[in-house]
N, C-alpha and C. Protein backbone atom coordinates (compact mmCIF):
# COMPACT_ATOMS: atom_id res chain seq x y z
N MET A 1 183.20 105.25 151.50
CA MET A 1 182.48 104.20 152.22
C MET A 1 183.41 103.46 153.18
N LYS A 2 184.66 103.18 152.73
CA LYS A 2 185.64 102.49 153.55
C LYS A 2 185.95 103.30 154.80
N THR A 3 186.13 104.62 154.63
CA THR A 3 186.43 105.50 155.76
C THR A 3 185.31 105.48 156.77
N GLU A 4 184.08 105.47 156.28
CA GLU A 4 182.92 105.46 157.16
C GLU A 4 182.92 104.19 158.01
N LYS A 5 183.27 103.05 157.40
CA LYS A 5 183.32 101.78 158.13
C LYS A 5 184.38 101.81 159.22
N VAL A 6 185.57 102.32 158.87
CA VAL A 6 186.66 102.42 159.84
C VAL A 6 186.25 103.33 160.99
N ASP A 7 185.63 104.46 160.66
CA ASP A 7 185.19 105.40 161.68
C ASP A 7 184.15 104.76 162.60
N LYS A 8 183.24 103.99 162.02
CA LYS A 8 182.20 103.34 162.82
C LYS A 8 182.81 102.29 163.75
N ARG A 9 183.78 101.56 163.25
CA ARG A 9 184.47 100.58 164.09
C ARG A 9 185.13 101.27 165.28
N GLN A 10 185.81 102.37 165.00
CA GLN A 10 186.48 103.11 166.08
C GLN A 10 185.47 103.72 167.03
N ALA A 11 184.35 104.16 166.49
CA ALA A 11 183.29 104.74 167.33
C ALA A 11 182.77 103.70 168.32
N ILE A 12 182.66 102.47 167.87
CA ILE A 12 182.21 101.39 168.75
C ILE A 12 183.22 101.17 169.88
N LEU A 13 184.51 101.15 169.51
CA LEU A 13 185.56 100.96 170.52
C LEU A 13 185.58 102.10 171.53
N ASP A 14 185.47 103.34 171.03
CA ASP A 14 185.49 104.52 171.92
C ASP A 14 184.30 104.51 172.87
N ALA A 15 183.13 104.19 172.33
CA ALA A 15 181.91 104.16 173.15
C ALA A 15 181.99 103.05 174.19
N ALA A 16 182.48 101.89 173.78
CA ALA A 16 182.58 100.75 174.70
C ALA A 16 183.56 101.05 175.83
N GLU A 17 184.69 101.65 175.49
CA GLU A 17 185.68 101.99 176.53
C GLU A 17 185.08 102.95 177.56
N LYS A 18 184.37 103.94 177.08
CA LYS A 18 183.71 104.91 177.97
C LYS A 18 182.73 104.20 178.90
N LEU A 19 181.91 103.33 178.34
CA LEU A 19 180.90 102.63 179.13
C LEU A 19 181.54 101.62 180.10
N PHE A 20 182.56 100.90 179.65
CA PHE A 20 183.24 99.95 180.53
C PHE A 20 183.84 100.67 181.74
N CYS A 21 184.41 101.85 181.49
CA CYS A 21 185.01 102.62 182.58
C CYS A 21 183.94 103.12 183.56
N GLU A 22 182.79 103.47 183.04
CA GLU A 22 181.73 104.04 183.88
C GLU A 22 180.96 102.96 184.65
N THR A 23 180.64 101.84 183.99
CA THR A 23 179.75 100.87 184.61
C THR A 23 180.33 99.46 184.72
N GLY A 24 181.59 99.28 184.27
CA GLY A 24 182.19 97.95 184.33
C GLY A 24 181.77 97.07 183.17
N TYR A 25 182.41 95.92 183.06
CA TYR A 25 182.12 95.00 181.96
C TYR A 25 180.71 94.44 182.08
N GLU A 26 180.39 93.93 183.26
CA GLU A 26 179.07 93.33 183.45
C GLU A 26 177.95 94.35 183.32
N GLY A 27 178.22 95.58 183.72
CA GLY A 27 177.19 96.61 183.69
C GLY A 27 176.96 97.22 182.33
N THR A 28 177.75 96.81 181.34
CA THR A 28 177.63 97.35 179.99
C THR A 28 177.05 96.29 179.05
N SER A 29 176.06 96.68 178.28
CA SER A 29 175.47 95.75 177.32
C SER A 29 175.84 96.17 175.90
N THR A 30 175.72 95.24 174.97
CA THR A 30 176.00 95.56 173.57
C THR A 30 174.99 96.58 173.05
N ARG A 31 173.78 96.55 173.58
CA ARG A 31 172.78 97.55 173.17
C ARG A 31 173.21 98.95 173.58
N GLN A 32 173.76 99.07 174.79
CA GLN A 32 174.26 100.37 175.24
C GLN A 32 175.41 100.84 174.37
N ILE A 33 176.31 99.91 174.02
CA ILE A 33 177.44 100.26 173.16
C ILE A 33 176.94 100.73 171.80
N ALA A 34 175.96 100.02 171.26
CA ALA A 34 175.38 100.40 169.96
C ALA A 34 174.76 101.79 170.03
N LYS A 35 174.01 102.05 171.08
CA LYS A 35 173.36 103.35 171.23
C LYS A 35 174.38 104.47 171.39
N GLU A 36 175.39 104.23 172.24
CA GLU A 36 176.41 105.25 172.51
C GLU A 36 177.25 105.56 171.28
N SER A 37 177.49 104.54 170.44
CA SER A 37 178.37 104.72 169.28
C SER A 37 177.63 105.12 168.01
N GLY A 38 176.30 105.00 168.03
CA GLY A 38 175.54 105.30 166.84
C GLY A 38 175.59 104.17 165.82
N ALA A 39 176.05 103.01 166.29
CA ALA A 39 176.11 101.84 165.42
C ALA A 39 174.89 100.97 165.70
N ASN A 40 174.86 99.79 165.10
CA ASN A 40 173.78 98.85 165.42
C ASN A 40 174.39 97.53 165.87
N MET A 41 173.54 96.64 166.39
CA MET A 41 174.02 95.37 166.92
C MET A 41 174.75 94.54 165.86
N ALA A 42 174.25 94.61 164.64
CA ALA A 42 174.85 93.83 163.56
C ALA A 42 176.30 94.27 163.31
N MET A 43 176.55 95.58 163.40
CA MET A 43 177.91 96.10 163.20
C MET A 43 178.85 95.59 164.29
N ILE A 44 178.37 95.61 165.54
CA ILE A 44 179.20 95.13 166.65
C ILE A 44 179.54 93.66 166.44
N ASN A 45 178.56 92.87 166.05
CA ASN A 45 178.79 91.45 165.81
C ASN A 45 179.72 91.23 164.62
N TYR A 46 179.57 92.07 163.60
CA TYR A 46 180.40 91.94 162.40
C TYR A 46 181.88 92.22 162.71
N TYR A 47 182.13 93.31 163.42
CA TYR A 47 183.51 93.71 163.71
C TYR A 47 184.15 92.90 164.84
N PHE A 48 183.37 92.58 165.87
CA PHE A 48 183.96 92.03 167.09
C PHE A 48 183.36 90.71 167.57
N GLY A 49 182.22 90.33 167.06
CA GLY A 49 181.62 89.07 167.43
C GLY A 49 180.78 89.09 168.69
N SER A 50 181.20 89.88 169.67
CA SER A 50 180.51 89.91 170.96
C SER A 50 181.04 91.06 171.80
N LYS A 51 180.44 91.25 172.97
CA LYS A 51 180.93 92.27 173.91
C LYS A 51 182.35 91.91 174.36
N GLU A 52 182.59 90.63 174.59
CA GLU A 52 183.93 90.18 174.98
C GLU A 52 184.94 90.54 173.90
N GLY A 53 184.52 90.36 172.63
CA GLY A 53 185.40 90.69 171.52
C GLY A 53 185.75 92.16 171.50
N VAL A 54 184.80 93.02 171.84
CA VAL A 54 185.06 94.46 171.91
C VAL A 54 186.07 94.75 173.01
N PHE A 55 185.85 94.16 174.17
CA PHE A 55 186.74 94.39 175.31
C PHE A 55 188.17 93.93 174.99
N VAL A 56 188.30 92.75 174.43
CA VAL A 56 189.62 92.22 174.11
C VAL A 56 190.31 93.09 173.06
N GLU A 57 189.55 93.60 172.09
CA GLU A 57 190.14 94.46 171.06
C GLU A 57 190.65 95.77 171.67
N ILE A 58 189.90 96.36 172.59
CA ILE A 58 190.35 97.58 173.28
C ILE A 58 191.67 97.30 174.00
N MET A 59 191.73 96.19 174.70
CA MET A 59 192.94 95.82 175.41
C MET A 59 194.09 95.59 174.45
N ASN A 60 193.83 94.87 173.37
CA ASN A 60 194.88 94.58 172.40
C ASN A 60 195.45 95.85 171.78
N GLU A 61 194.59 96.82 171.49
CA GLU A 61 195.06 98.08 170.91
C GLU A 61 195.97 98.82 171.88
N ARG A 62 195.60 98.82 173.14
CA ARG A 62 196.42 99.51 174.15
C ARG A 62 197.74 98.78 174.37
N ILE A 63 197.68 97.47 174.39
CA ILE A 63 198.89 96.68 174.57
C ILE A 63 199.82 96.85 173.38
N ALA A 64 199.24 96.86 172.17
CA ALA A 64 200.04 97.03 170.95
C ALA A 64 200.68 98.41 170.91
N GLY A 65 199.95 99.42 171.41
CA GLY A 65 200.50 100.78 171.44
C GLY A 65 201.73 100.86 172.31
N PHE A 66 201.67 100.21 173.47
CA PHE A 66 202.83 100.21 174.37
C PHE A 66 203.95 99.35 173.80
N ALA A 67 203.59 98.28 173.08
CA ALA A 67 204.60 97.41 172.46
C ALA A 67 205.43 98.20 171.45
N SER A 68 204.79 99.06 170.69
CA SER A 68 205.51 99.89 169.71
C SER A 68 206.49 100.81 170.41
N GLN A 69 206.05 101.39 171.52
CA GLN A 69 206.91 102.28 172.29
C GLN A 69 208.10 101.51 172.87
N LEU A 70 207.83 100.31 173.39
CA LEU A 70 208.90 99.49 173.96
C LEU A 70 209.92 99.08 172.89
N LYS A 71 209.44 98.77 171.70
CA LYS A 71 210.33 98.34 170.61
C LYS A 71 211.29 99.46 170.25
N ILE A 72 210.78 100.69 170.19
CA ILE A 72 211.63 101.84 169.86
C ILE A 72 212.69 102.03 170.95
N ILE A 73 212.26 101.94 172.21
CA ILE A 73 213.19 102.09 173.33
C ILE A 73 214.25 101.00 173.29
N ASN A 74 213.81 99.77 173.05
CA ASN A 74 214.72 98.62 173.07
C ASN A 74 215.77 98.69 171.98
N GLU A 75 215.42 99.30 170.84
CA GLU A 75 216.34 99.37 169.71
C GLU A 75 217.24 100.59 169.75
N ASP A 76 216.97 101.50 170.69
CA ASP A 76 217.77 102.72 170.79
C ASP A 76 219.18 102.40 171.29
N LYS A 77 220.17 103.15 170.83
CA LYS A 77 221.56 102.91 171.22
C LYS A 77 221.89 103.65 172.52
N ILE A 78 221.27 103.22 173.59
CA ILE A 78 221.50 103.80 174.91
C ILE A 78 221.71 102.66 175.90
N SER A 79 222.13 103.01 177.10
CA SER A 79 222.41 101.98 178.10
C SER A 79 221.13 101.28 178.57
N ALA A 80 221.31 100.11 179.16
CA ALA A 80 220.17 99.35 179.69
C ALA A 80 219.44 100.16 180.76
N LEU A 81 220.18 100.90 181.58
CA LEU A 81 219.55 101.70 182.63
C LEU A 81 218.71 102.82 182.03
N GLU A 82 219.23 103.48 181.00
CA GLU A 82 218.46 104.54 180.34
C GLU A 82 217.20 103.97 179.69
N LYS A 83 217.33 102.78 179.09
CA LYS A 83 216.16 102.14 178.50
C LYS A 83 215.10 101.85 179.56
N LEU A 84 215.53 101.31 180.69
CA LEU A 84 214.59 100.99 181.76
C LEU A 84 213.92 102.25 182.30
N HIS A 85 214.68 103.32 182.42
CA HIS A 85 214.12 104.59 182.89
C HIS A 85 213.06 105.11 181.92
N ARG A 86 213.31 104.95 180.63
CA ARG A 86 212.33 105.37 179.63
C ARG A 86 211.07 104.50 179.68
N VAL A 87 211.27 103.21 179.91
CA VAL A 87 210.12 102.30 180.05
C VAL A 87 209.26 102.74 181.22
N ILE A 88 209.89 103.03 182.34
CA ILE A 88 209.16 103.47 183.53
C ILE A 88 208.38 104.74 183.25
N GLU A 89 209.03 105.72 182.64
CA GLU A 89 208.36 106.98 182.34
C GLU A 89 207.20 106.77 181.37
N GLY A 90 207.41 105.94 180.35
CA GLY A 90 206.35 105.68 179.37
C GLY A 90 205.17 104.96 179.98
N TYR A 91 205.46 103.99 180.84
CA TYR A 91 204.39 103.21 181.46
C TYR A 91 203.59 104.07 182.43
N VAL A 92 204.27 104.87 183.23
CA VAL A 92 203.58 105.77 184.17
C VAL A 92 202.68 106.73 183.41
N ASN A 93 203.19 107.31 182.34
CA ASN A 93 202.38 108.26 181.56
C ASN A 93 201.16 107.60 180.94
N ARG A 94 201.34 106.41 180.37
CA ARG A 94 200.21 105.72 179.73
C ARG A 94 199.12 105.39 180.74
N ILE A 95 199.52 104.89 181.91
CA ILE A 95 198.55 104.49 182.92
C ILE A 95 197.86 105.70 183.53
N LEU A 96 198.62 106.71 183.90
CA LEU A 96 198.04 107.86 184.58
C LEU A 96 197.29 108.79 183.63
N ASN A 97 197.52 108.65 182.34
CA ASN A 97 196.74 109.44 181.38
C ASN A 97 195.33 108.90 181.20
N ASN A 98 195.10 107.67 181.66
CA ASN A 98 193.74 107.11 181.58
C ASN A 98 193.53 106.18 182.77
N THR A 99 193.43 106.78 183.94
CA THR A 99 193.30 105.99 185.17
C THR A 99 191.98 105.21 185.22
N ALA A 100 190.93 105.79 184.66
CA ALA A 100 189.63 105.11 184.68
C ALA A 100 189.70 103.77 183.97
N PHE A 101 190.35 103.76 182.82
CA PHE A 101 190.47 102.52 182.07
C PHE A 101 191.33 101.51 182.82
N HIS A 102 192.43 101.97 183.41
CA HIS A 102 193.32 101.06 184.12
C HIS A 102 192.61 100.43 185.33
N LYS A 103 191.84 101.24 186.04
CA LYS A 103 191.08 100.71 187.18
C LYS A 103 190.09 99.64 186.71
N MET A 104 189.40 99.95 185.62
CA MET A 104 188.42 99.01 185.08
C MET A 104 189.11 97.71 184.65
N MET A 105 190.23 97.84 183.94
CA MET A 105 190.96 96.68 183.46
C MET A 105 191.42 95.83 184.64
N HIS A 106 191.97 96.46 185.65
CA HIS A 106 192.46 95.74 186.82
C HIS A 106 191.31 95.02 187.52
N ARG A 107 190.17 95.68 187.62
CA ARG A 107 189.01 95.07 188.27
C ARG A 107 188.52 93.86 187.49
N GLU A 108 188.41 94.01 186.17
CA GLU A 108 187.89 92.93 185.35
C GLU A 108 188.84 91.73 185.31
N LEU A 109 190.14 92.01 185.23
CA LEU A 109 191.11 90.91 185.14
C LEU A 109 191.30 90.20 186.47
N SER A 110 190.85 90.83 187.56
CA SER A 110 190.96 90.19 188.87
C SER A 110 189.81 89.21 189.12
N LEU A 111 188.80 89.24 188.27
CA LEU A 111 187.65 88.35 188.43
C LEU A 111 187.95 86.99 187.79
N THR A 112 187.35 85.97 188.32
CA THR A 112 187.66 84.61 187.84
C THR A 112 186.61 84.02 186.91
N GLN A 113 185.49 84.74 186.74
CA GLN A 113 184.42 84.11 185.96
C GLN A 113 184.62 84.23 184.45
N ARG A 114 185.70 84.91 184.01
CA ARG A 114 185.94 85.04 182.57
C ARG A 114 187.37 84.60 182.23
N PRO A 115 187.72 83.34 182.52
CA PRO A 115 189.10 82.89 182.30
C PRO A 115 189.55 82.94 180.85
N GLU A 116 188.65 82.71 179.90
CA GLU A 116 189.05 82.73 178.49
C GLU A 116 189.46 84.14 178.06
N MET A 117 188.70 85.14 178.50
CA MET A 117 189.03 86.52 178.17
C MET A 117 190.35 86.90 178.83
N TYR A 118 190.52 86.49 180.08
CA TYR A 118 191.76 86.79 180.80
C TYR A 118 192.96 86.18 180.07
N ASP A 119 192.82 84.93 179.62
CA ASP A 119 193.92 84.26 178.94
C ASP A 119 194.30 84.96 177.64
N LYS A 120 193.30 85.44 176.91
CA LYS A 120 193.59 86.16 175.65
C LYS A 120 194.39 87.42 175.92
N ILE A 121 193.99 88.17 176.93
CA ILE A 121 194.67 89.41 177.27
C ILE A 121 196.06 89.14 177.84
N LYS A 122 196.15 88.11 178.67
CA LYS A 122 197.44 87.74 179.26
C LYS A 122 198.45 87.37 178.17
N ASP A 123 197.98 86.64 177.15
CA ASP A 123 198.86 86.26 176.05
C ASP A 123 199.35 87.49 175.29
N ALA A 124 198.46 88.46 175.11
CA ALA A 124 198.85 89.69 174.40
C ALA A 124 199.85 90.50 175.23
N MET A 125 199.68 90.50 176.55
CA MET A 125 200.57 91.26 177.42
C MET A 125 201.94 90.61 177.56
N SER A 126 202.01 89.31 177.32
CA SER A 126 203.26 88.59 177.53
C SER A 126 204.37 89.10 176.62
N HIS A 127 204.03 89.57 175.43
CA HIS A 127 205.04 90.11 174.51
C HIS A 127 205.69 91.34 175.10
N ASN A 128 204.90 92.23 175.70
CA ASN A 128 205.46 93.42 176.33
C ASN A 128 206.35 93.05 177.51
N MET A 129 205.92 92.06 178.27
CA MET A 129 206.73 91.59 179.40
C MET A 129 208.08 91.08 178.91
N GLN A 130 208.07 90.40 177.78
CA GLN A 130 209.31 89.85 177.23
C GLN A 130 210.27 90.96 176.80
N LEU A 131 209.72 92.05 176.25
CA LEU A 131 210.55 93.17 175.83
C LEU A 131 211.22 93.85 177.02
N ILE A 132 210.46 94.04 178.11
CA ILE A 132 211.03 94.65 179.32
C ILE A 132 212.03 93.68 179.95
N ASP A 133 211.68 92.40 179.96
CA ASP A 133 212.58 91.35 180.46
C ASP A 133 213.90 91.41 179.72
N ARG A 134 213.85 91.60 178.40
CA ARG A 134 215.06 91.62 177.58
C ARG A 134 215.96 92.79 177.95
N ILE A 135 215.36 93.94 178.22
CA ILE A 135 216.15 95.12 178.60
C ILE A 135 216.93 94.86 179.88
N ILE A 136 216.24 94.31 180.89
CA ILE A 136 216.90 94.05 182.17
C ILE A 136 217.92 92.92 182.04
N THR A 137 217.56 91.87 181.31
CA THR A 137 218.47 90.74 181.11
C THR A 137 219.73 91.17 180.38
N ASP A 138 219.59 92.03 179.37
CA ASP A 138 220.76 92.55 178.65
C ASP A 138 221.68 93.30 179.61
N GLY A 139 221.07 94.07 180.52
CA GLY A 139 221.87 94.80 181.50
C GLY A 139 222.63 93.87 182.44
N ILE A 140 222.00 92.76 182.78
CA ILE A 140 222.67 91.76 183.64
C ILE A 140 223.82 91.11 182.87
N GLU A 141 223.56 90.77 181.62
CA GLU A 141 224.56 90.06 180.82
C GLU A 141 225.78 90.93 180.49
N ASP A 142 225.57 92.26 180.33
CA ASP A 142 226.73 93.11 180.03
C ASP A 142 227.40 93.66 181.30
N GLY A 143 226.91 93.25 182.46
CA GLY A 143 227.54 93.65 183.72
C GLY A 143 227.05 94.96 184.29
N THR A 144 226.09 95.62 183.61
CA THR A 144 225.56 96.89 184.11
C THR A 144 224.70 96.67 185.35
N PHE A 145 223.91 95.61 185.34
CA PHE A 145 222.99 95.32 186.43
C PHE A 145 223.48 94.13 187.26
N ASN A 146 223.05 94.12 188.51
CA ASN A 146 223.27 92.96 189.36
C ASN A 146 222.42 91.79 188.86
N LYS A 147 222.78 90.59 189.27
CA LYS A 147 221.95 89.43 188.96
C LYS A 147 220.75 89.45 189.89
N VAL A 148 219.57 89.64 189.30
CA VAL A 148 218.34 89.78 190.09
C VAL A 148 217.24 88.90 189.50
N ASP A 149 216.15 88.81 190.24
CA ASP A 149 214.95 88.14 189.75
C ASP A 149 214.23 89.13 188.84
N VAL A 150 214.41 88.97 187.53
CA VAL A 150 213.94 89.96 186.56
C VAL A 150 212.42 90.17 186.64
N ARG A 151 211.67 89.08 186.71
CA ARG A 151 210.21 89.22 186.72
C ARG A 151 209.71 89.89 188.01
N MET A 152 210.43 89.71 189.11
CA MET A 152 210.06 90.41 190.35
C MET A 152 210.31 91.91 190.22
N VAL A 153 211.35 92.29 189.50
CA VAL A 153 211.61 93.72 189.26
C VAL A 153 210.47 94.32 188.44
N ILE A 154 210.06 93.61 187.39
CA ILE A 154 208.96 94.08 186.55
C ILE A 154 207.67 94.18 187.37
N ALA A 155 207.41 93.16 188.18
CA ALA A 155 206.21 93.17 189.02
C ALA A 155 206.23 94.32 190.01
N THR A 156 207.40 94.66 190.52
CA THR A 156 207.54 95.78 191.45
C THR A 156 207.18 97.10 190.77
N ILE A 157 207.67 97.28 189.55
CA ILE A 157 207.39 98.51 188.80
C ILE A 157 205.89 98.62 188.50
N MET A 158 205.34 97.58 187.90
CA MET A 158 203.94 97.61 187.49
C MET A 158 203.00 97.63 188.70
N GLY A 159 203.35 96.87 189.73
CA GLY A 159 202.51 96.83 190.92
C GLY A 159 202.45 98.15 191.64
N THR A 160 203.58 98.85 191.68
CA THR A 160 203.62 100.16 192.33
C THR A 160 202.71 101.14 191.61
N ILE A 161 202.79 101.17 190.29
CA ILE A 161 201.96 102.10 189.52
C ILE A 161 200.48 101.77 189.70
N THR A 162 200.12 100.50 189.62
CA THR A 162 198.73 100.10 189.80
C THR A 162 198.21 100.47 191.18
N ASN A 163 199.03 100.25 192.20
CA ASN A 163 198.64 100.56 193.57
C ASN A 163 198.38 102.05 193.74
N ILE A 164 199.19 102.88 193.11
CA ILE A 164 199.02 104.33 193.20
C ILE A 164 197.73 104.77 192.50
N VAL A 165 197.43 104.15 191.37
CA VAL A 165 196.21 104.48 190.63
C VAL A 165 194.97 104.08 191.43
N ILE A 166 195.00 102.90 192.00
CA ILE A 166 193.83 102.39 192.72
C ILE A 166 193.67 103.04 194.10
N SER A 167 194.80 103.28 194.78
CA SER A 167 194.74 103.86 196.14
C SER A 167 195.72 105.01 196.29
N PRO A 168 195.49 106.14 195.61
CA PRO A 168 196.45 107.26 195.67
C PRO A 168 196.62 107.82 197.08
N HIS A 169 195.61 107.61 197.96
CA HIS A 169 195.71 108.13 199.31
C HIS A 169 196.87 107.51 200.09
N LYS A 170 197.37 106.39 199.61
CA LYS A 170 198.50 105.75 200.29
C LYS A 170 199.78 106.57 200.19
N VAL A 171 199.86 107.41 199.16
CA VAL A 171 201.07 108.22 198.98
C VAL A 171 200.78 109.72 199.01
N ILE A 172 199.51 110.09 199.00
CA ILE A 172 199.12 111.50 199.04
C ILE A 172 198.26 111.76 200.29
N SER A 173 198.72 112.63 201.15
CA SER A 173 197.98 112.90 202.39
C SER A 173 196.87 113.93 202.20
N CYS A 174 196.94 114.69 201.12
CA CYS A 174 195.94 115.74 200.86
C CYS A 174 194.56 115.13 200.64
N SER A 175 193.57 115.58 201.39
CA SER A 175 192.23 114.98 201.33
C SER A 175 191.49 115.29 200.03
N ASN A 176 191.81 116.41 199.38
CA ASN A 176 191.10 116.78 198.16
C ASN A 176 191.90 116.46 196.89
N PHE A 177 192.89 115.58 197.01
CA PHE A 177 193.69 115.18 195.86
C PHE A 177 192.79 114.47 194.84
N ASP A 178 192.95 114.82 193.56
CA ASP A 178 192.09 114.27 192.51
C ASP A 178 192.95 113.90 191.30
N LEU A 179 193.00 112.61 190.97
CA LEU A 179 193.80 112.16 189.83
C LEU A 179 193.28 112.70 188.50
N ASN A 180 192.04 113.19 188.49
CA ASN A 180 191.49 113.76 187.26
C ASN A 180 191.88 115.23 187.09
N ASN A 181 192.45 115.81 188.14
CA ASN A 181 192.91 117.20 188.08
C ASN A 181 194.32 117.21 187.47
N PRO A 182 194.52 117.91 186.34
CA PRO A 182 195.82 117.90 185.65
C PRO A 182 197.00 118.27 186.56
N LYS A 183 196.80 119.22 187.45
CA LYS A 183 197.88 119.64 188.35
C LYS A 183 198.25 118.52 189.32
N ASP A 184 197.23 117.89 189.91
CA ASP A 184 197.48 116.78 190.83
C ASP A 184 198.09 115.59 190.09
N LYS A 185 197.60 115.34 188.88
CA LYS A 185 198.12 114.23 188.09
C LYS A 185 199.60 114.43 187.76
N LYS A 186 199.97 115.65 187.44
CA LYS A 186 201.37 115.97 187.12
C LYS A 186 202.27 115.69 188.33
N ILE A 187 201.78 116.07 189.51
CA ILE A 187 202.56 115.86 190.74
C ILE A 187 202.80 114.37 190.98
N ILE A 188 201.74 113.58 190.87
CA ILE A 188 201.88 112.15 191.16
C ILE A 188 202.69 111.44 190.08
N LYS A 189 202.57 111.90 188.82
CA LYS A 189 203.39 111.32 187.75
C LYS A 189 204.87 111.52 188.05
N GLU A 190 205.24 112.75 188.38
CA GLU A 190 206.65 113.07 188.62
C GLU A 190 207.18 112.31 189.82
N ARG A 191 206.37 112.20 190.87
CA ARG A 191 206.80 111.45 192.07
C ARG A 191 206.98 109.97 191.76
N THR A 192 206.04 109.42 191.00
CA THR A 192 206.09 107.99 190.69
C THR A 192 207.30 107.66 189.82
N VAL A 193 207.51 108.45 188.78
CA VAL A 193 208.65 108.23 187.88
C VAL A 193 209.97 108.35 188.65
N ALA A 194 210.11 109.42 189.43
CA ALA A 194 211.35 109.65 190.18
C ALA A 194 211.61 108.51 191.16
N HIS A 195 210.56 108.08 191.87
CA HIS A 195 210.71 107.01 192.85
C HIS A 195 211.14 105.71 192.19
N LEU A 196 210.45 105.31 191.11
CA LEU A 196 210.76 104.04 190.47
C LEU A 196 212.12 104.06 189.77
N GLN A 197 212.49 105.19 189.21
CA GLN A 197 213.80 105.29 188.58
C GLN A 197 214.90 105.21 189.63
N ASP A 198 214.72 105.90 190.76
CA ASP A 198 215.71 105.83 191.84
C ASP A 198 215.78 104.41 192.42
N LEU A 199 214.61 103.83 192.63
CA LEU A 199 214.54 102.49 193.23
C LEU A 199 215.26 101.46 192.37
N THR A 200 214.96 101.46 191.08
CA THR A 200 215.57 100.47 190.19
C THR A 200 217.07 100.73 190.01
N THR A 201 217.46 102.00 189.98
CA THR A 201 218.89 102.32 189.84
C THR A 201 219.68 101.78 191.02
N VAL A 202 219.21 102.06 192.22
CA VAL A 202 219.92 101.60 193.42
C VAL A 202 219.94 100.08 193.49
N TYR A 203 218.79 99.45 193.25
CA TYR A 203 218.69 98.00 193.37
C TYR A 203 219.50 97.29 192.30
N LEU A 204 219.49 97.80 191.10
CA LEU A 204 220.14 97.10 189.99
C LEU A 204 221.63 97.39 189.86
N THR A 205 222.07 98.54 190.35
CA THR A 205 223.48 98.92 190.09
C THR A 205 224.37 98.99 191.32
N THR A 206 223.81 99.03 192.52
CA THR A 206 224.63 99.08 193.72
C THR A 206 225.26 97.70 193.95
N LYS A 207 226.57 97.68 193.99
CA LYS A 207 227.27 96.39 194.14
C LYS A 207 227.04 95.82 195.53
N LYS A 208 226.70 94.55 195.57
CA LYS A 208 226.40 93.90 196.84
C LYS A 208 227.64 93.27 197.45
């Protein structure tokens, strides 16, 4: 019985993510989520309280997943530059492996009519920002990196990836390029990782 409950909870999250990606937050109702997941309205309310609760939980799970990855990288006995390169590769892979969700998330978080939901997600994301901040700050403190505006470096990395996901035509001239095509996705992943790793290496380690 316990397993069935866990499975139903996950089914609700999976169905909601699919619907949010297809029709957006506003375009998705709890009734649609219930129908898609095979659950009922009472189950959604029991587990998550509301549609907003479902959305925030999806975000929290994704943020927590990346937090675990960052923690492992941060604790590894490698240089600050190697850690940052691994962060870049991990972040690019996570985002490009589910571009539909990232586009939806970016769209929803850019809206102003749901400040409470935005604040909850922002608070959850702040922990990951602190872990990346720590990697770069450690590199500055041990002399590996130049003294830089750490948060601007992080914004450059994340902003570049988001821009590529939302507007891939800015870096790909091919008219039939498709981020859902595994071959095309592999090409853009490799280009993005290589570019950001080169960019951060030159900026952080070239003596001024």
